[in-house]
Protein backbone atom coordinates (compact mmCIF):
# COMPACT_ATOMS: atom_id res chain seq x y z
CA MET A 1 -28.30 223.49 99.06
CA GLN A 2 -26.45 222.19 95.68
CA GLN A 3 -25.68 224.75 93.31
CA ASP A 4 -26.41 223.88 89.77
CA ARG A 5 -23.16 223.42 87.22
CA PRO A 6 -23.68 224.98 83.91
CA ARG A 7 -23.97 222.28 81.81
CA GLN A 8 -21.69 222.00 78.96
CA PRO A 9 -22.11 221.90 75.30
CA ALA A 10 -22.33 218.22 73.60
CA PRO A 11 -19.81 217.80 71.25
CA SER A 12 -20.68 218.36 67.87
CA ARG A 13 -20.83 215.33 65.15
CA PRO A 14 -18.60 216.54 62.35
CA ASP A 15 -19.91 216.56 58.97
CA SER A 16 -19.50 213.97 56.25
CA GLY A 17 -17.03 216.72 54.81
CA ASP A 18 -15.23 216.88 57.90
CA ALA A 19 -14.92 213.20 58.63
CA MET A 20 -13.94 212.41 55.08
CA GLU A 21 -10.89 214.95 55.25
CA GLY A 22 -9.94 214.07 58.51
CA ARG A 23 -9.13 210.88 59.78
CA GLY A 24 -10.86 208.31 60.97
CA PRO A 25 -11.73 207.32 64.32
CA SER A 26 -10.53 204.15 64.78
CA THR A 27 -7.90 203.33 62.25
CA GLY A 28 -6.37 207.03 62.42
CA LYS A 29 -5.75 206.98 58.59
CA ALA A 30 -6.51 209.80 56.26
CA PHE A 31 -8.71 209.03 53.51
CA ALA A 32 -10.33 210.52 50.61
CA ALA A 33 -13.71 210.96 49.96
CA PRO A 34 -14.94 208.77 46.69
CA GLN A 35 -15.10 209.93 43.45
CA ALA A 36 -18.49 210.18 41.55
CA ASP A 37 -18.75 208.06 38.25
CA PRO A 38 -18.63 210.58 35.66
CA ALA A 39 -21.66 208.82 33.73
CA GLY A 40 -23.37 209.83 36.88
CA GLY A 41 -23.29 206.60 38.57
CA ALA A 42 -22.78 205.88 42.18
CA PRO A 43 -18.99 206.51 43.64
CA HIS A 44 -16.46 204.17 43.85
CA THR A 45 -15.96 202.97 47.08
CA GLY A 46 -12.80 202.42 48.38
CA SER A 47 -10.92 199.17 49.69
CA ASP A 48 -11.11 200.69 53.04
CA GLY A 49 -15.14 201.30 53.12
CA PRO A 50 -17.83 199.57 54.15
CA GLY A 51 -19.00 196.79 52.00
CA ALA A 52 -15.53 196.80 50.18
CA THR A 53 -15.38 194.39 47.51
CA GLU A 54 -12.38 193.26 45.44
CA PRO A 55 -11.88 194.89 42.42
CA ALA A 56 -11.57 192.94 38.94
CA LEU A 57 -7.83 191.50 38.12
CA THR A 58 -6.54 193.76 34.75
CA LEU A 59 -3.58 192.86 32.76
CA SER A 60 -1.18 195.77 33.60
CA SER A 61 2.38 194.90 32.48
CA PRO A 62 3.35 192.59 29.68
CA CYS A 63 5.22 188.72 30.79
CA ARG A 64 8.49 188.92 30.68
CA PHE A 65 8.89 185.50 30.09
CA PHE A 66 6.54 185.36 27.15
CA LEU A 67 8.91 188.05 25.62
CA GLU A 68 11.85 185.88 26.27
CA GLY A 69 9.74 183.13 24.45
CA GLY A 70 9.38 180.89 27.46
CA CYS A 71 6.25 181.56 29.24
CA ARG A 72 4.44 178.00 30.03
CA PHE A 73 1.06 179.11 31.03
CA GLY A 74 0.04 180.45 27.23
CA ALA A 75 -3.64 181.75 27.55
CA ARG A 76 -3.92 181.34 31.20
CA CYS A 77 -0.94 183.87 31.97
CA ARG A 78 -2.04 186.68 34.12
CA ASN A 79 -0.07 188.72 32.28
CA LEU A 80 0.21 190.67 28.54
CA HIS A 81 1.65 188.73 25.80
CA PRO A 82 1.64 191.36 23.62
CA GLY A 83 1.28 190.48 19.75
CA ALA A 84 -0.76 187.24 20.66
CA PRO A 85 -4.21 186.69 19.38
CA PRO A 86 -6.71 186.64 22.28
CA GLY A 87 -7.76 183.48 23.46
CA THR A 88 -5.12 181.65 21.43
CA PRO A 89 -3.42 178.98 23.78
CA GLN A 90 0.63 180.54 23.78
CA PRO A 91 2.61 177.55 22.46
CA SER A 92 4.77 175.94 25.31
CA PRO A 93 8.63 176.44 25.24
CA GLU A 94 10.40 173.46 23.47
CA PRO A 95 11.68 171.35 26.40
CA SER A 96 15.87 172.09 26.84
CA SER A 97 17.74 168.96 25.41
CA LYS A 98 18.43 166.67 28.25
CA LYS A 99 21.65 166.12 29.16
CA PRO A 100 23.44 162.71 28.35
CA SER A 101 22.53 160.65 31.18
CA SER A 102 25.52 159.38 33.81
CA LYS A 103 23.76 156.09 34.96
CA LYS A 104 25.60 153.03 34.03
CA PRO A 105 23.92 150.13 32.44
CA PRO A 106 23.10 147.41 35.16
CA MET A 107 25.73 144.77 34.86
CA LYS A 108 24.56 140.72 34.87
CA THR A 109 24.80 139.19 38.55
CA ALA A 110 27.11 136.65 39.77
CA GLY A 111 23.88 134.69 39.67
CA ASP A 112 23.35 135.21 35.58
CA VAL A 113 26.94 134.00 34.90
CA ILE A 114 26.67 130.99 37.46
CA SER A 115 23.17 130.28 35.78
CA ARG A 116 24.77 130.63 32.16
CA ILE A 117 27.71 128.34 33.09
CA LEU A 118 25.37 125.60 34.48
CA TRP A 119 22.57 125.61 31.37
CA ASP A 120 24.61 126.70 28.30
CA HIS A 121 25.44 123.45 26.96
CA GLN A 122 28.07 125.59 24.48
CA LEU A 123 30.00 125.98 27.88
CA LEU A 124 32.20 123.79 29.96
CA PRO A 125 32.00 123.84 33.74
CA SER A 126 35.45 122.29 33.99
CA GLU A 127 36.70 125.35 32.40
CA PHE A 128 35.96 127.84 34.35
CA THR A 129 37.23 129.04 37.76
CA VAL A 130 35.66 131.46 40.76
CA GLY A 131 37.75 133.82 42.76
CA HIS A 132 35.81 134.20 46.01
CA LEU A 133 36.43 136.44 49.17
CA ASP A 134 37.52 134.32 52.00
CA ARG A 135 36.84 135.82 55.49
CA PHE A 136 40.53 134.68 56.70
CA SER A 137 42.92 134.10 53.73
CA GLY A 138 41.51 137.08 51.11
CA VAL A 139 40.39 136.32 47.87
CA ARG A 140 40.91 132.84 47.03
CA GLU A 141 40.50 130.95 43.59
CA ASP A 142 38.83 127.31 43.30
CA ALA A 143 37.21 125.34 40.01
CA PHE A 144 33.94 126.00 39.58
CA THR A 145 33.13 122.03 39.72
CA ALA A 146 34.32 122.47 43.16
CA PHE A 147 31.37 124.32 44.25
CA CYS A 148 27.97 123.03 45.04
CA TRP A 149 25.55 125.70 43.58
CA GLU A 150 22.40 124.76 45.20
CA ASP A 151 20.47 126.66 47.71
CA LEU A 152 22.97 127.36 50.77
CA ALA A 153 19.97 126.26 52.70
CA SER A 154 19.93 123.32 51.26
CA VAL A 155 23.47 121.85 51.39
CA GLY A 156 25.10 119.84 54.18
CA PRO A 157 28.30 121.28 56.30
CA GLU A 158 30.65 119.40 54.39
CA VAL A 159 29.65 120.89 50.99
CA LEU A 160 31.81 123.63 49.21
CA ALA A 161 29.11 126.55 48.74
CA ILE A 162 29.60 130.12 49.10
CA PRO A 163 27.15 133.26 48.66
CA GLN A 164 27.16 134.85 45.86
CA HIS A 165 27.78 138.24 46.90
CA ARG A 166 31.50 136.79 47.80
CA ILE A 167 32.30 136.27 44.41
CA GLN A 168 34.71 138.89 42.60
CA TYR A 169 35.46 137.45 39.72
CA PHE A 170 35.10 134.35 36.83
CA LYS A 171 37.76 132.98 34.74
CA TYR A 172 37.61 131.16 31.50
CA ARG A 173 40.86 129.12 30.52
CA GLY A 174 42.61 131.66 33.10
CA ARG A 175 41.08 134.70 31.46
CA VAL A 176 38.81 137.21 33.61
CA VAL A 177 35.61 137.15 31.80
CA TRP A 178 33.68 138.84 34.95
CA ASP A 179 34.94 140.93 37.42
CA LYS A 180 32.61 142.64 39.96
CA ALA A 181 35.34 145.60 40.84
CA SER A 182 36.09 146.66 37.29
CA ARG A 183 32.43 146.32 36.10
CA LEU A 184 34.01 143.83 33.37
CA ASP A 185 30.90 141.54 31.77
CA ASP A 186 32.60 139.60 28.55
CA VAL A 187 29.82 136.87 29.15
CA PHE A 188 26.82 138.57 28.57
CA GLY A 189 28.44 142.08 27.15
CA SER A 190 25.92 143.89 29.72
CA THR A 191 28.18 146.39 30.86
CA GLY A 192 28.71 147.89 26.73
CA GLY A 193 32.22 146.01 26.47
CA GLY A 194 30.37 144.62 23.22
CA ARG A 195 32.07 140.94 23.67
CA THR A 196 30.11 138.06 24.90
CA ILE A 197 31.87 134.78 26.14
CA LEU A 198 31.27 132.88 22.76
CA GLU A 199 33.40 135.60 21.31
CA VAL A 200 35.93 134.92 24.31
CA MET A 201 35.60 131.08 23.26
CA GLU A 202 36.74 131.89 19.99
CA GLU A 203 39.45 134.10 20.53
CA GLU A 204 41.00 131.52 22.84
CA ALA A 205 40.87 128.61 20.71
CA ARG A 206 42.71 130.94 17.96
CA HIS A 207 45.30 131.83 20.35
CA GLN A 208 45.98 128.46 21.09
CA GLN A 209 46.47 127.17 17.80
CA ALA A 210 48.55 130.53 17.38
CA VAL A 211 50.92 129.47 20.53
CA GLY A 212 50.77 125.67 19.35
CA MET A 213 48.41 123.79 21.76
CA GLY A 214 48.42 120.44 20.12
CA ASP A 215 50.88 118.99 22.33
CA GLY A 216 48.06 119.10 24.97
CA GLY A 217 48.64 122.34 26.89
CA ALA A 218 52.59 122.75 27.01
CA GLY A 219 52.52 125.54 24.56
CA VAL A 220 51.36 127.69 27.76
CA LEU A 221 54.36 127.13 29.78
CA GLU A 222 56.72 127.27 26.56
CA GLU A 223 54.90 131.02 25.87
CA VAL A 224 56.18 132.11 29.35
CA VAL A 225 59.36 130.60 29.73
CA ALA A 226 60.56 131.38 26.16
CA LEU A 227 59.54 135.43 26.12
CA GLU A 228 61.61 136.82 29.18
CA SER A 229 64.99 136.95 27.37
CA GLU A 230 66.86 138.55 24.52
CA GLU A 231 67.96 134.83 23.49
CA GLU A 232 64.48 134.07 22.58
CA GLU A 233 63.91 137.15 20.31
CA GLU A 234 67.10 135.82 18.32
CA ASP A 235 65.75 132.60 18.11
CA ASP A 236 62.48 134.19 16.55
CA GLU A 237 64.34 136.25 14.17
CA ALA A 238 66.51 133.27 12.74
CA GLU A 239 63.38 131.52 12.76
CA PRO A 240 60.81 133.50 11.25
CA GLY A 241 58.58 130.62 10.17
CA ASP A 242 58.91 129.18 13.49
CA GLN A 243 54.90 128.35 14.41
CA SER A 244 55.22 127.48 18.23
CA HIS A 245 55.22 131.21 19.40
CA PRO A 246 52.78 133.69 18.87
CA PRO A 247 53.19 136.25 16.32
CA ALA A 248 55.35 139.65 17.19
CA ALA A 249 52.26 141.62 17.32
CA SER A 250 50.97 139.58 20.31
CA ARG A 251 54.59 138.99 21.66
CA PRO A 252 54.92 140.62 25.51
CA THR A 253 57.55 143.29 25.91
CA HIS A 254 57.52 143.41 29.58
CA PHE A 255 56.66 141.11 32.37
CA VAL A 256 55.95 141.52 36.11
CA ALA A 257 57.94 139.58 38.31
CA VAL A 258 58.47 138.05 41.98
CA ARG A 259 62.35 138.24 42.02
CA ILE A 260 63.84 135.31 44.26
CA THR A 261 66.27 136.59 47.01
CA SER A 262 65.82 133.89 49.50
CA PRO A 263 69.19 132.72 50.45
CA GLU A 264 68.03 128.95 51.18
CA LEU A 265 66.18 129.07 47.28
CA ARG A 266 69.25 130.16 45.80
CA GLY A 267 71.22 127.63 47.37
CA SER A 268 69.37 124.71 46.59
CA VAL A 269 69.05 125.90 42.73
CA ALA A 270 72.83 126.36 42.52
CA ARG A 271 73.36 122.76 43.91
CA LEU A 272 71.24 121.28 41.36
CA GLN A 273 72.57 123.16 38.58
CA ALA A 274 75.86 122.19 39.90
CA ALA A 275 74.81 118.56 39.65
CA LEU A 276 73.35 119.20 36.34
CA SER A 277 76.70 120.84 34.97
CA GLN A 278 78.69 117.76 36.54
CA ALA A 279 76.59 114.86 34.92
CA ASP A 280 76.82 117.03 31.18
CA PRO A 281 79.39 119.45 31.31
CA THR A 282 78.14 120.97 28.19
CA LEU A 283 74.36 121.92 30.06
CA ALA A 284 76.70 124.53 32.19
CA GLU A 285 76.28 127.09 29.87
CA PHE A 286 72.55 126.69 29.75
CA CYS A 287 72.01 126.95 33.51
CA ALA A 288 70.04 130.44 34.65
CA PRO A 289 72.28 133.08 36.70
CA LEU A 290 71.49 132.98 40.15
CA ALA A 291 71.02 136.75 40.00
CA THR A 292 67.99 136.36 37.46
CA LEU A 293 66.16 133.73 39.13
CA HIS A 294 62.24 135.23 39.21
CA LEU A 295 58.28 134.36 39.37
CA THR A 296 56.57 135.49 36.47
CA LEU A 297 53.18 136.67 37.44
CA CYS A 298 51.91 138.80 34.42
CA LEU A 299 52.90 139.71 30.75
CA LEU A 300 52.25 142.57 28.90
CA ARG A 301 52.60 144.65 26.07
CA LEU A 302 53.33 147.95 26.11
CA ASP A 303 53.75 150.57 23.24
CA GLY A 304 55.36 154.06 23.85
CA ALA A 305 56.29 155.74 27.15
CA GLY A 306 52.66 156.83 28.05
CA GLU A 307 51.50 152.97 28.34
CA MET A 308 54.81 152.37 30.30
CA GLN A 309 53.85 155.31 32.70
CA ALA A 310 50.39 153.58 32.93
CA ALA A 311 51.59 150.44 34.06
CA VAL A 312 53.56 151.91 36.97
CA THR A 313 50.92 153.84 37.69
CA ALA A 314 48.94 150.66 38.06
CA LEU A 315 51.36 149.15 40.08
CA ARG A 316 51.55 152.05 42.51
CA GLU A 317 47.65 151.98 42.84
CA LEU A 318 47.95 148.21 44.08
CA GLN A 319 51.04 148.96 46.67
CA ALA A 320 48.83 151.65 48.31
CA GLU A 321 45.62 148.85 48.41
CA HIS A 322 48.10 146.51 49.70
CA ARG A 323 49.22 148.78 52.78
CA ARG A 324 45.92 149.94 53.33
CA LEU A 325 44.71 146.30 53.49
CA LEU A 326 47.56 144.80 54.67
CA PRO A 327 46.95 141.35 53.05
CA PRO A 328 48.94 137.67 54.30
CA ALA A 329 52.26 137.90 52.16
CA PRO A 330 51.98 134.91 49.91
CA LEU A 331 54.54 132.50 51.11
CA LEU A 332 55.91 130.40 48.13
CA HIS A 333 57.01 126.54 48.78
CA PHE A 334 59.19 125.00 46.10
CA TRP A 335 58.98 121.28 45.59
CA GLY A 336 60.95 119.08 43.22
CA LEU A 337 61.91 119.48 39.75
CA ASP A 338 60.28 119.11 36.29
CA THR A 339 61.07 119.15 32.70
CA PHE A 340 59.29 120.71 29.34
CA GLN A 341 60.02 118.90 26.47
CA ARG A 342 63.40 118.07 27.75
CA ARG A 343 64.29 121.84 26.78
CA VAL A 344 63.34 123.50 30.37
CA LEU A 345 64.28 122.43 33.78
CA TYR A 346 62.30 124.48 36.47
CA ALA A 347 60.93 124.04 39.85
CA ALA A 348 57.20 125.28 40.37
CA PRO A 349 55.63 126.37 43.68
CA ALA A 350 52.62 124.75 45.63
CA PRO A 351 49.50 125.75 44.83
CA SER A 352 48.81 129.36 46.59
CA PRO A 353 45.62 130.93 46.32
CA GLU A 354 47.13 133.90 47.71
CA LEU A 355 49.55 133.93 44.67
CA ALA A 356 46.78 133.50 42.22
CA GLY A 357 44.75 136.46 43.70
CA LEU A 358 47.88 138.67 43.42
CA ALA A 359 48.02 137.86 39.53
CA HIS A 360 44.55 138.45 38.91
CA ALA A 361 44.91 141.68 41.14
CA LEU A 362 47.55 142.83 38.32
CA GLU A 363 45.71 141.64 35.24
CA ARG A 364 42.68 143.72 36.66
CA GLY A 365 44.72 146.79 37.47
CA PHE A 366 46.51 146.78 33.92
CA ALA A 367 43.48 146.40 31.88
CA CYS A 368 41.55 149.06 33.86
CA LYS A 369 44.60 151.87 32.54
CA GLY A 370 43.78 149.98 28.79
CA LEU A 371 46.94 148.34 28.69
CA THR A 372 47.17 144.81 26.67
CA VAL A 373 47.78 141.90 28.99
CA ILE A 374 48.63 138.58 27.60
CA PRO A 375 47.18 135.79 29.74
CA LEU A 376 49.19 133.10 31.08
CA LEU A 377 46.04 130.87 30.29
CA ALA A 378 46.39 128.98 33.78
CA ASP A 379 47.56 129.57 37.42
CA ASP A 380 49.66 126.51 37.39
CA CYS A 381 52.38 128.26 34.66
CA PHE A 382 54.02 129.79 37.87
CA HIS A 383 57.68 128.15 37.72
CA LEU A 384 61.19 129.11 38.60
CA THR A 385 63.44 128.46 35.62
CA VAL A 386 66.54 126.45 36.38
CA ALA A 387 68.25 125.67 32.90
CA LYS A 388 66.64 126.41 29.67
CA ILE A 389 68.31 125.30 26.03
CA PRO A 390 67.17 127.72 23.21
CA VAL A 391 64.72 126.18 20.27
CA GLY A 392 67.18 124.47 18.30
CA GLY A 393 70.01 123.71 20.47
CA GLU A 394 71.23 119.98 20.56
CA PRO A 395 71.63 119.21 24.25
CA LYS A 396 68.54 117.73 25.76
CA LEU A 397 67.44 118.48 29.67
CA SER A 398 66.81 115.63 31.89
CA LEU A 399 66.30 115.63 35.74
CA PRO A 400 69.43 115.14 37.89
CA PRO A 401 70.38 111.66 38.92
CA GLU A 402 69.65 112.42 42.26
CA ALA A 403 66.62 114.89 42.42
CA PRO A 404 65.49 116.12 45.41
CA GLY A 405 62.36 115.18 47.04
CA GLU A 406 62.68 117.36 49.82
CA GLU A 407 61.39 121.16 49.83
CA LEU A 408 63.88 123.42 47.86
CA GLY A 409 63.14 126.63 49.80
CA THR A 410 60.68 129.46 50.47
CA GLN A 411 60.09 132.68 49.00
CA ALA A 412 57.79 135.57 50.56
CA VAL A 413 55.98 137.76 47.88
CA GLU A 414 57.08 141.10 49.36
CA SER A 415 57.92 143.34 46.02
CA LEU A 416 57.11 143.24 42.41
CA CYS A 417 59.30 143.89 39.56
CA LEU A 418 58.10 145.41 36.09
CA CYS A 419 60.90 143.95 33.54
CA GLN A 420 61.27 144.50 30.42
CA VAL A 421 62.16 141.69 27.77
CA GLY A 422 65.36 141.58 26.25
CA GLY A 423 66.21 144.96 27.63
CA GLY A 424 69.86 144.05 29.22
CA ARG A 425 70.77 143.67 32.59
CA ARG A 426 71.26 145.78 35.44
CA THR A 427 74.47 146.07 37.61
CA ASP A 428 73.47 143.34 39.97
CA GLY A 429 72.57 141.05 37.06
CA PHE A 430 68.90 140.86 37.19
CA TYR A 431 66.67 142.32 34.32
CA SER A 432 66.40 145.90 33.25
CA THR A 433 63.43 147.08 35.08
CA LEU A 434 61.50 150.35 35.20
CA VAL A 435 60.24 150.04 38.63
CA GLU A 436 60.58 147.69 41.60
CA LEU A 437 57.81 148.30 44.65
CA ASP A 438 57.41 146.96 47.79
CA LEU A 439 53.78 145.50 48.67
CA TYR A 440 54.54 146.30 52.77
């Protein structure tokens, strides 16, 4: 017979006071009883209570950006704006002054320059040359008229045409007027240089008049030949009214040259000078010493030690660039002799695009340093002076009776010398040199 167990009393349900003062059955958190409204309204329910609603947002703390005068929300700001009329939009802070833009102005393209040369009737295409990048020989220079400027897809295989992106620079009468690497634009003046091609043409016209170009271009060679020695400076002092040379303000003070060191070429020059002296003994004193034989690539006017140091820096940068790229060294071939106004006997090298490209790189490097470069006006001014009679001298030069028709010799361009005009001689007889750098 099963015995009845005593029934356990049911757990008493806690009253409201105990429930409010105790812990909730689910959360275990302590919570307080809602406080009654003093006005007799319903008590406020807490955030955890049933049917809780989000309390209205109140402006509690002042806006620190408004206090600093930089709140951009104005009347829409959720924080207090002390002292501001309610509902009045707060003025936006003044935008800070924008920093000057470092973006460079857009530069006119090579295609723009080509169109200008082709369609501007004030420009003669025959007076322009183009420096372009060749895949095998580096930068080459050809006449503008040697190219076909039609669409590359429409030209034949035997027509000289190049893509425009390979064009490196344009020259006007030997002067660089557009250069992609240095952002030089003297055709349109788009890079802020303030000079256009029409102004360049006027400058070149005045320069030609100053150097005496009325003899059909002979003044170009005269300027290069005459300004490399102290004898020419003495001539200028003796004849201040001579108009065949540029004024002193535009005269070069330094020049970059390739020294002639080839024994074969020196031997040929020595034999020519001996034949010249044998034909006319009075010309012996006007023969160029073998130690001074050189080829001028660039003329400079440097004022002060600062510009001299800048020129040396430009040459060292060119040296570093050559050692990095290792372009082929120009090998110059000298053929025959020629004379200028029966005062200068010289040998000119065969045309060399590599030599012209090196001369252009020199001009560009010096121009980037802000130095005064006196243009040679033509790449055919490169010459090796064999004999020279000063201005006003009585004897007249002429070709030797048996002028050689074969090659005089070759000279590799492996180093450059920055020489001083009229600065005396070194112990080895060469011109006074600021720096001599090997390119390879």
